[in-house]
PDB file of all heavy atoms in Angstrom:
ATOM      1  N   HIS A   1       0.807  -1.223   0.000  1.00  0.00           N
ATOM      2  CA  HIS A   1       0.000   0.000   0.000  1.00  0.00           C
ATOM      3  C   HIS A   1       0.843   1.279   0.000  1.00  0.00           C
ATOM      4  O   HIS A   1       0.289   2.380   0.092  1.00  0.00           O
ATOM      5  CB  HIS A   1      -0.957   0.007   1.194  1.00  0.00           C
ATOM      6  CG  HIS A   1      -2.122  -0.912   1.040  1.00  0.00           C
ATOM      7  ND1 HIS A   1      -3.180  -0.650   0.186  1.00  0.00           N
ATOM      8  CD2 HIS A   1      -2.390  -2.125   1.597  1.00  0.00           C
ATOM      9  CE1 HIS A   1      -4.052  -1.638   0.245  1.00  0.00           C
ATOM     10  NE2 HIS A   1      -3.599  -2.553   1.099  1.00  0.00           N
ATOM     11  N   ILE A   2       2.163   1.160  -0.131  1.00  0.00           N
ATOM     12  CA  ILE A   2       3.004   2.355  -0.065  1.00  0.00           C
ATOM     13  C   ILE A   2       2.811   3.251  -1.292  1.00  0.00           C
ATOM     14  O   ILE A   2       3.108   4.444  -1.240  1.00  0.00           O
ATOM     15  CB  ILE A   2       4.492   1.971   0.098  1.00  0.00           C
ATOM     16  CG1 ILE A   2       5.337   3.192   0.441  1.00  0.00           C
ATOM     17  CG2 ILE A   2       5.007   1.278  -1.140  1.00  0.00           C
ATOM     18  CD1 ILE A   2       4.933   3.910   1.702  1.00  0.00           C
ATOM     19  N   LEU A   3       2.283   2.713  -2.403  1.00  0.00           N
ATOM     20  CA  LEU A   3       2.039   3.533  -3.598  1.00  0.00           C
ATOM     21  C   LEU A   3       0.572   3.931  -3.738  1.00  0.00           C
ATOM     22  O   LEU A   3       0.132   4.312  -4.826  1.00  0.00           O
ATOM     23  CB  LEU A   3       2.500   2.783  -4.848  1.00  0.00           C
ATOM     24  CG  LEU A   3       4.008   2.749  -5.095  1.00  0.00           C
ATOM     25  CD1 LEU A   3       4.340   1.866  -6.296  1.00  0.00           C
ATOM     26  CD2 LEU A   3       4.563   4.150  -5.308  1.00  0.00           C
ATOM     27  N   ASP A   4      -0.180   3.853  -2.637  1.00  0.00           N
ATOM     28  CA  ASP A   4      -1.600   4.194  -2.712  1.00  0.00           C
ATOM     29  C   ASP A   4      -1.838   5.656  -3.086  1.00  0.00           C
ATOM     30  O   ASP A   4      -2.947   6.009  -3.516  1.00  0.00           O
ATOM     31  CB  ASP A   4      -2.287   3.873  -1.378  1.00  0.00           C
ATOM     32  CG  ASP A   4      -2.581   2.386  -1.232  1.00  0.00           C
ATOM     33  OD1 ASP A   4      -2.230   1.619  -2.154  1.00  0.00           O
ATOM     34  OD2 ASP A   4      -3.155   1.983  -0.203  1.00  0.00           O
ATOM     35  N   ARG A   5      -0.842   6.510  -2.912  1.00  0.00           N
ATOM     36  CA  ARG A   5      -0.905   7.897  -3.402  1.00  0.00           C
ATOM     37  C   ARG A   5       0.251   8.145  -4.375  1.00  0.00           C
ATOM     38  O   ARG A   5       0.708   9.260  -4.533  1.00  0.00           O
ATOM     39  CB  ARG A   5      -0.851   8.889  -2.232  1.00  0.00           C
ATOM     40  CG  ARG A   5      -2.121   8.948  -1.391  1.00  0.00           C
ATOM     41  CD  ARG A   5      -3.284   9.559  -2.169  1.00  0.00           C
ATOM     42  NE  ARG A   5      -4.454   9.763  -1.325  1.00  0.00           N
ATOM     43  CZ  ARG A   5      -5.428   8.869  -1.152  1.00  0.00           C
ATOM     44  NH1 ARG A   5      -5.354   7.693  -1.766  1.00  0.00           N
ATOM     45  NH2 ARG A   5      -6.472   9.140  -0.385  1.00  0.00           N
ATOM     46  N   PHE A   6       0.704   7.059  -4.983  1.00  0.00           N
ATOM     47  CA  PHE A   6       1.759   7.118  -6.003  1.00  0.00           C
ATOM     48  C   PHE A   6       3.058   7.713  -5.426  1.00  0.00           C
ATOM     49  O   PHE A   6       3.227   7.759  -4.210  1.00  0.00           O
ATOM     50  CB  PHE A   6       1.274   7.878  -7.230  1.00  0.00           C
ATOM     51  CG  PHE A   6      -0.113   7.467  -7.662  1.00  0.00           C
ATOM     52  CD1 PHE A   6      -1.192   8.335  -7.534  1.00  0.00           C
ATOM     53  CD2 PHE A   6      -0.349   6.189  -8.160  1.00  0.00           C
ATOM     54  CE1 PHE A   6      -2.470   7.950  -7.911  1.00  0.00           C
ATOM     55  CE2 PHE A   6      -1.623   5.788  -8.531  1.00  0.00           C
ATOM     56  CZ  PHE A   6      -2.692   6.666  -8.405  1.00  0.00           C
ATOM     57  N   TYR A   7       3.959   8.121  -6.295  1.00  0.00           N
ATOM     58  CA  TYR A   7       5.247   8.615  -5.805  1.00  0.00           C
ATOM     59  C   TYR A   7       5.104   9.870  -4.936  1.00  0.00           C
ATOM     60  O   TYR A   7       5.776   9.974  -3.894  1.00  0.00           O
ATOM     61  CB  TYR A   7       6.191   8.878  -6.978  1.00  0.00           C
ATOM     62  CG  TYR A   7       7.499   9.506  -6.553  1.00  0.00           C
ATOM     63  CD1 TYR A   7       8.406   8.805  -5.755  1.00  0.00           C
ATOM     64  CD2 TYR A   7       7.815  10.815  -6.910  1.00  0.00           C
ATOM     65  CE1 TYR A   7       9.598   9.376  -5.347  1.00  0.00           C
ATOM     66  CE2 TYR A   7       9.003  11.395  -6.508  1.00  0.00           C
ATOM     67  CZ  TYR A   7       9.888  10.667  -5.731  1.00  0.00           C
ATOM     68  OH  TYR A   7      11.063  11.244  -5.316  1.00  0.00           O
ATOM     69  N   PRO A   8       4.257  10.858  -5.286  1.00  0.00           N
ATOM     70  CA  PRO A   8       4.089  12.015  -4.384  1.00  0.00           C
ATOM     71  C   PRO A   8       3.656  11.597  -2.978  1.00  0.00           C
ATOM     72  O   PRO A   8       4.002  12.259  -1.997  1.00  0.00           O
ATOM     73  CB  PRO A   8       3.018  12.853  -5.085  1.00  0.00           C
ATOM     74  CG  PRO A   8       3.161  12.516  -6.529  1.00  0.00           C
ATOM     75  CD  PRO A   8       3.492  11.051  -6.551  1.00  0.00           C
ATOM     76  N   GLY A   9       2.916  10.495  -2.880  1.00  0.00           N
ATOM     77  CA  GLY A   9       2.510  10.013  -1.568  1.00  0.00           C
ATOM     78  C   GLY A   9       3.689   9.494  -0.762  1.00  0.00           C
ATOM     79  O   GLY A   9       3.738   9.668   0.470  1.00  0.00           O
ATOM     80  N   ILE A  10       4.652   8.864  -1.430  1.00  0.00           N
ATOM     81  CA  ILE A  10       5.866   8.428  -0.749  1.00  0.00           C
ATOM     82  C   ILE A  10       6.657   9.625  -0.241  1.00  0.00           C
ATOM     83  O   ILE A  10       7.135   9.643   0.904  1.00  0.00           O
ATOM     84  CB  ILE A  10       6.731   7.557  -1.679  1.00  0.00           C
ATOM     85  CG1 ILE A  10       6.075   6.187  -1.869  1.00  0.00           C
ATOM     86  CG2 ILE A  10       8.147   7.393  -1.129  1.00  0.00           C
ATOM     87  CD1 ILE A  10       6.835   5.243  -2.771  1.00  0.00           C
ATOM     88  N   GLU A  11       6.796  10.625  -1.083  1.00  0.00           N
ATOM     89  CA  GLU A  11       7.518  11.836  -0.672  1.00  0.00           C
ATOM     90  C   GLU A  11       6.872  12.455   0.559  1.00  0.00           C
ATOM     91  O   GLU A  11       7.561  12.820   1.523  1.00  0.00           O
ATOM     92  CB  GLU A  11       7.533  12.848  -1.812  1.00  0.00           C
ATOM     93  CG  GLU A  11       8.410  12.474  -2.990  1.00  0.00           C
ATOM     94  CD  GLU A  11       8.455  13.569  -4.018  1.00  0.00           C
ATOM     95  OE1 GLU A  11       7.372  13.919  -4.540  1.00  0.00           O
ATOM     96  OE2 GLU A  11       9.554  14.080  -4.314  1.00  0.00           O
ATOM     97  N   LYS A  12       5.560  12.582   0.528  1.00  0.00           N
ATOM     98  CA  LYS A  12       4.840  13.204   1.640  1.00  0.00           C
ATOM     99  C   LYS A  12       4.943  12.344   2.894  1.00  0.00           C
ATOM    100  O   LYS A  12       5.134  12.851   4.008  1.00  0.00           O
ATOM    101  CB  LYS A  12       3.373  13.414   1.242  1.00  0.00           C
ATOM    102  CG  LYS A  12       2.530  14.154   2.281  1.00  0.00           C
ATOM    103  CD  LYS A  12       2.992  15.585   2.488  1.00  0.00           C
ATOM    104  CE  LYS A  12       2.745  16.463   1.292  1.00  0.00           C
ATOM    105  NZ  LYS A  12       1.327  16.732   1.007  1.00  0.00           N
ATOM    106  N   THR A  13       4.816  11.029   2.734  1.00  0.00           N
ATOM    107  CA  THR A  13       4.884  10.115   3.875  1.00  0.00           C
ATOM    108  C   THR A  13       6.231  10.191   4.580  1.00  0.00           C
ATOM    109  O   THR A  13       6.310  10.321   5.811  1.00  0.00           O
ATOM    110  CB  THR A  13       4.619   8.667   3.414  1.00  0.00           C
ATOM    111  OG1 THR A  13       3.308   8.586   2.848  1.00  0.00           O
ATOM    112  CG2 THR A  13       4.732   7.695   4.583  1.00  0.00           C
ATOM    113  N   ILE A  14       7.321  10.118   3.814  1.00  0.00           N
ATOM    114  CA  ILE A  14       8.652  10.145   4.418  1.00  0.00           C
ATOM    115  C   ILE A  14       8.913  11.493   5.094  1.00  0.00           C
ATOM    116  O   ILE A  14       9.481  11.543   6.195  1.00  0.00           O
ATOM    117  CB  ILE A  14       9.728   9.838   3.359  1.00  0.00           C
ATOM    118  CG1 ILE A  14       9.588   8.391   2.879  1.00  0.00           C
ATOM    119  CG2 ILE A  14      11.126  10.060   3.937  1.00  0.00           C
ATOM    120  CD1 ILE A  14      10.539   7.999   1.770  1.00  0.00           C
ATOM    121  N   ALA A  15       8.481  12.564   4.466  1.00  0.00           N
ATOM    122  CA  ALA A  15       8.672  13.889   5.075  1.00  0.00           C
ATOM    123  C   ALA A  15       7.942  13.978   6.414  1.00  0.00           C
ATOM    124  O   ALA A  15       8.485  14.498   7.403  1.00  0.00           O
ATOM    125  CB  ALA A  15       8.174  14.976   4.117  1.00  0.00           C
ATOM    126  N   ASN A  16       6.729  13.468   6.479  1.00  0.00           N
ATOM    127  CA  ASN A  16       5.972  13.498   7.729  1.00  0.00           C
ATOM    128  C   ASN A  16       6.586  12.590   8.791  1.00  0.00           C
ATOM    129  O   ASN A  16       6.630  12.939   9.977  1.00  0.00           O
ATOM    130  CB  ASN A  16       4.519  13.088   7.466  1.00  0.00           C
ATOM    131  CG  ASN A  16       3.701  14.186   6.811  1.00  0.00           C
ATOM    132  OD1 ASN A  16       3.833  15.361   7.155  1.00  0.00           O
ATOM    133  ND2 ASN A  16       2.874  13.823   5.845  1.00  0.00           N
ATOM    134  N   ILE A  17       7.068  11.433   8.369  1.00  0.00           N
ATOM    135  CA  ILE A  17       7.697  10.503   9.302  1.00  0.00           C
ATOM    136  C   ILE A  17       8.954  11.115   9.912  1.00  0.00           C
ATOM    137  O   ILE A  17       9.194  11.024  11.126  1.00  0.00           O
ATOM    138  CB  ILE A  17       8.026   9.179   8.573  1.00  0.00           C
ATOM    139  CG1 ILE A  17       6.756   8.365   8.382  1.00  0.00           C
ATOM    140  CG2 ILE A  17       9.062   8.365   9.355  1.00  0.00           C
ATOM    141  CD1 ILE A  17       6.950   7.129   7.537  1.00  0.00           C
ATOM    142  N   GLU A  18       9.773  11.722   9.089  1.00  0.00           N
ATOM    143  CA  GLU A  18      11.002  12.328   9.592  1.00  0.00           C
ATOM    144  C   GLU A  18      10.713  13.536  10.470  1.00  0.00           C
ATOM    145  O   GLU A  18      11.462  13.800  11.424  1.00  0.00           O
ATOM    146  CB  GLU A  18      11.888  12.730   8.408  1.00  0.00           C
ATOM    147  CG  GLU A  18      12.460  11.532   7.659  1.00  0.00           C
ATOM    148  CD  GLU A  18      13.357  11.895   6.501  1.00  0.00           C
ATOM    149  OE1 GLU A  18      13.283  13.060   6.041  1.00  0.00           O
ATOM    150  OE2 GLU A  18      14.134  11.036   6.049  1.00  0.00           O
ATOM    151  N   LYS A  19       9.651  14.228  10.196  1.00  0.00           N
ATOM    152  CA  LYS A  19       9.282  15.385  11.022  1.00  0.00           C
ATOM    153  C   LYS A  19       8.983  14.964  12.456  1.00  0.00           C
ATOM    154  O   LYS A  19       9.327  15.660  13.419  1.00  0.00           O
ATOM    155  CB  LYS A  19       8.069  16.088  10.408  1.00  0.00           C
ATOM    156  CG  LYS A  19       7.661  17.363  11.126  1.00  0.00           C
ATOM    157  CD  LYS A  19       6.495  18.032  10.416  1.00  0.00           C
ATOM    158  CE  LYS A  19       6.070  19.316  11.120  1.00  0.00           C
ATOM    159  NZ  LYS A  19       4.922  19.958  10.432  1.00  0.00           N
ATOM    160  N   VAL A  20       8.369  13.805  12.611  1.00  0.00           N
ATOM    161  CA  VAL A  20       8.030  13.307  13.946  1.00  0.00           C
ATOM    162  C   VAL A  20       9.243  12.661  14.621  1.00  0.00           C
ATOM    163  O   VAL A  20       9.311  12.576  15.838  1.00  0.00           O
ATOM    164  CB  VAL A  20       6.845  12.320  13.860  1.00  0.00           C
ATOM    165  CG1 VAL A  20       6.512  11.722  15.218  1.00  0.00           C
ATOM    166  CG2 VAL A  20       5.615  13.032  13.298  1.00  0.00           C
ATOM    167  N   GLY A  21      10.199  12.195  13.813  1.00  0.00           N
ATOM    168  CA  GLY A  21      11.418  11.649  14.392  1.00  0.00           C
ATOM    169  C   GLY A  21      11.549  10.141  14.325  1.00  0.00           C
ATOM    170  O   GLY A  21      12.327   9.548  15.075  1.00  0.00           O
ATOM    171  N   PHE A  22      10.823   9.496  13.416  1.00  0.00           N
ATOM    172  CA  PHE A  22      10.930   8.048  13.253  1.00  0.00           C
ATOM    173  C   PHE A  22      12.115   7.680  12.370  1.00  0.00           C
ATOM    174  O   PHE A  22      12.444   8.391  11.415  1.00  0.00           O
ATOM    175  CB  PHE A  22       9.672   7.484  12.579  1.00  0.00           C
ATOM    176  CG  PHE A  22       8.471   7.398  13.467  1.00  0.00           C
ATOM    177  CD1 PHE A  22       7.421   8.302  13.321  1.00  0.00           C
ATOM    178  CD2 PHE A  22       8.363   6.419  14.436  1.00  0.00           C
ATOM    179  CE1 PHE A  22       6.298   8.233  14.122  1.00  0.00           C
ATOM    180  CE2 PHE A  22       7.249   6.339  15.246  1.00  0.00           C
ATOM    181  CZ  PHE A  22       6.208   7.241  15.096  1.00  0.00           C
ATOM    182  N   ASP A  23      12.737   6.540  12.666  1.00  0.00           N
ATOM    183  CA  ASP A  23      13.577   5.873  11.683  1.00  0.00           C
ATOM    184  C   ASP A  23      12.640   5.192  10.690  1.00  0.00           C
ATOM    185  O   ASP A  23      11.505   4.848  11.017  1.00  0.00           O
ATOM    186  CB  ASP A  23      14.475   4.831  12.349  1.00  0.00           C
ATOM    187  CG  ASP A  23      15.465   5.467  13.322  1.00  0.00           C
ATOM    188  OD1 ASP A  23      15.944   6.576  13.040  1.00  0.00           O
ATOM    189  OD2 ASP A  23      15.742   4.848  14.371  1.00  0.00           O
ATOM    190  N   HIS A  24      13.120   4.961   9.469  1.00  0.00           N
ATOM    191  CA  HIS A  24      12.274   4.294   8.470  1.00  0.00           C
ATOM    192  C   HIS A  24      13.146   3.567   7.470  1.00  0.00           C
ATOM    193  O   HIS A  24      14.319   3.889   7.272  1.00  0.00           O
ATOM    194  CB  HIS A  24      11.374   5.301   7.758  1.00  0.00           C
ATOM    195  CG  HIS A  24      12.126   6.373   7.012  1.00  0.00           C
ATOM    196  ND1 HIS A  24      12.548   6.224   5.705  1.00  0.00           N
ATOM    197  CD2 HIS A  24      12.560   7.604   7.398  1.00  0.00           C
ATOM    198  CE1 HIS A  24      13.187   7.319   5.313  1.00  0.00           C
ATOM    199  NE2 HIS A  24      13.219   8.166   6.331  1.00  0.00           N
ATOM    200  N   VAL A  25      12.559   2.558   6.811  1.00  0.00           N
ATOM    201  CA  VAL A  25      13.292   1.766   5.829  1.00  0.00           C
ATOM    202  C   VAL A  25      12.299   1.154   4.850  1.00  0.00           C
ATOM    203  O   VAL A  25      11.159   0.871   5.209  1.00  0.00           O
ATOM    204  CB  VAL A  25      14.115   0.651   6.530  1.00  0.00           C
ATOM    205  CG1 VAL A  25      13.213  -0.359   7.216  1.00  0.00           C
ATOM    206  CG2 VAL A  25      15.063  -0.032   5.566  1.00  0.00           C
ATOM    207  N   GLY A  26      12.731   1.004   3.575  1.00  0.00           N
ATOM    208  CA  GLY A  26      11.908   0.312   2.597  1.00  0.00           C
ATOM    209  C   GLY A  26      11.390   1.160   1.464  1.00  0.00           C
ATOM    210  O   GLY A  26      11.021   0.635   0.408  1.00  0.00           O
ATOM    211  N   ALA A  27      11.326   2.477   1.641  1.00  0.00           N
ATOM    212  CA  ALA A  27      10.895   3.393   0.586  1.00  0.00           C
ATOM    213  C   ALA A  27      11.830   4.599   0.575  1.00  0.00           C
ATOM    214  O   ALA A  27      12.396   4.955   1.616  1.00  0.00           O
ATOM    215  CB  ALA A  27       9.453   3.840   0.800  1.00  0.00           C
ATOM    216  N   SER A  28      11.975   5.228  -0.597  1.00  0.00           N
ATOM    217  CA  SER A  28      12.973   6.292  -0.735  1.00  0.00           C
ATOM    218  C   SER A  28      12.486   7.373  -1.692  1.00  0.00           C
ATOM    219  O   SER A  28      11.617   7.139  -2.533  1.00  0.00           O
ATOM    220  CB  SER A  28      14.300   5.727  -1.274  1.00  0.00           C
ATOM    221  OG  SER A  28      14.731   4.627  -0.508  1.00  0.00           O
ATOM    222  N   ARG A  29      13.096   8.552  -1.554  1.00  0.00           N
ATOM    223  CA  ARG A  29      12.768   9.678  -2.427  1.00  0.00           C
ATOM    224  C   ARG A  29      13.803   9.907  -3.517  1.00  0.00           C
ATOM    225  O   ARG A  29      13.629  10.774  -4.365  1.00  0.00           O
ATOM    226  CB  ARG A  29      12.628  10.949  -1.580  1.00  0.00           C
ATOM    227  CG  ARG A  29      11.435  10.932  -0.644  1.00  0.00           C
ATOM    228  CD  ARG A  29      11.533  11.990   0.424  1.00  0.00           C
ATOM    229  NE  ARG A  29      12.622  11.692   1.364  1.00  0.00           N
ATOM    230  CZ  ARG A  29      12.831  12.356   2.501  1.00  0.00           C
ATOM    231  NH1 ARG A  29      12.030  13.369   2.818  1.00  0.00           N
ATOM    232  NH2 ARG A  29      13.814  12.030   3.300  1.00  0.00           N
ATOM    233  N   SER A  30      14.878   9.138  -3.487  1.00  0.00           N
ATOM    234  CA  SER A  30      15.931   9.283  -4.488  1.00  0.00           C
ATOM    235  C   SER A  30      16.764   8.018  -4.522  1.00  0.00           C
ATOM    236  O   SER A  30      16.720   7.195  -3.584  1.00  0.00           O
ATOM    237  CB  SER A  30      16.827  10.483  -4.160  1.00  0.00           C
ATOM    238  OG  SER A  30      17.572  10.229  -2.978  1.00  0.00           O
ATOM    239  N   ALA A  31      17.559   7.870  -5.597  1.00  0.00           N
ATOM    240  CA  ALA A  31      18.444   6.714  -5.692  1.00  0.00           C
ATOM    241  C   ALA A  31      19.508   6.762  -4.600  1.00  0.00           C
ATOM    242  O   ALA A  31      19.901   5.724  -4.050  1.00  0.00           O
ATOM    243  CB  ALA A  31      19.098   6.676  -7.070  1.00  0.00           C
ATOM    244  N   GLU A  32      19.973   7.970  -4.267  1.00  0.00           N
ATOM    245  CA  GLU A  32      20.984   8.126  -3.214  1.00  0.00           C
ATOM    246  C   GLU A  32      20.417   7.709  -1.867  1.00  0.00           C
ATOM    247  O   GLU A  32      21.093   7.057  -1.068  1.00  0.00           O
ATOM    248  CB  GLU A  32      21.474   9.568  -3.163  1.00  0.00           C
ATOM    249  CG  GLU A  32      22.268  10.026  -4.381  1.00  0.00           C
ATOM    250  CD  GLU A  32      21.401  10.298  -5.595  1.00  0.00           C
ATOM    251  OE1 GLU A  32      20.178  10.477  -5.429  1.00  0.00           O
ATOM    252  OE2 GLU A  32      21.952  10.325  -6.720  1.00  0.00           O
ATOM    253  N   GLU A  33      19.182   8.075  -1.609  1.00  0.00           N
ATOM    254  CA  GLU A  33      18.547   7.712  -0.345  1.00  0.00           C
ATOM    255  C   GLU A  33      18.348   6.200  -0.263  1.00  0.00           C
ATOM    256  O   GLU A  33      18.544   5.588   0.801  1.00  0.00           O
ATOM    257  CB  GLU A  33      17.198   8.427  -0.231  1.00  0.00           C
ATOM    258  CG  GLU A  33      16.563   8.367   1.142  1.00  0.00           C
ATOM    259  CD  GLU A  33      15.369   9.295   1.255  1.00  0.00           C
ATOM    260  OE1 GLU A  33      14.252   8.855   0.920  1.00  0.00           O
ATOM    261  OE2 GLU A  33      15.554  10.459   1.652  1.00  0.00           O
TER     262      GLU A  33
END
């Protein structure tokens, strides 16, 4: 379900997760990430 809002949804999800202070793994916003 990580693509339920397509790639912009991944970008938004990771930004919100990092804002709260979670570690995360499995999805990325760039090849470098």
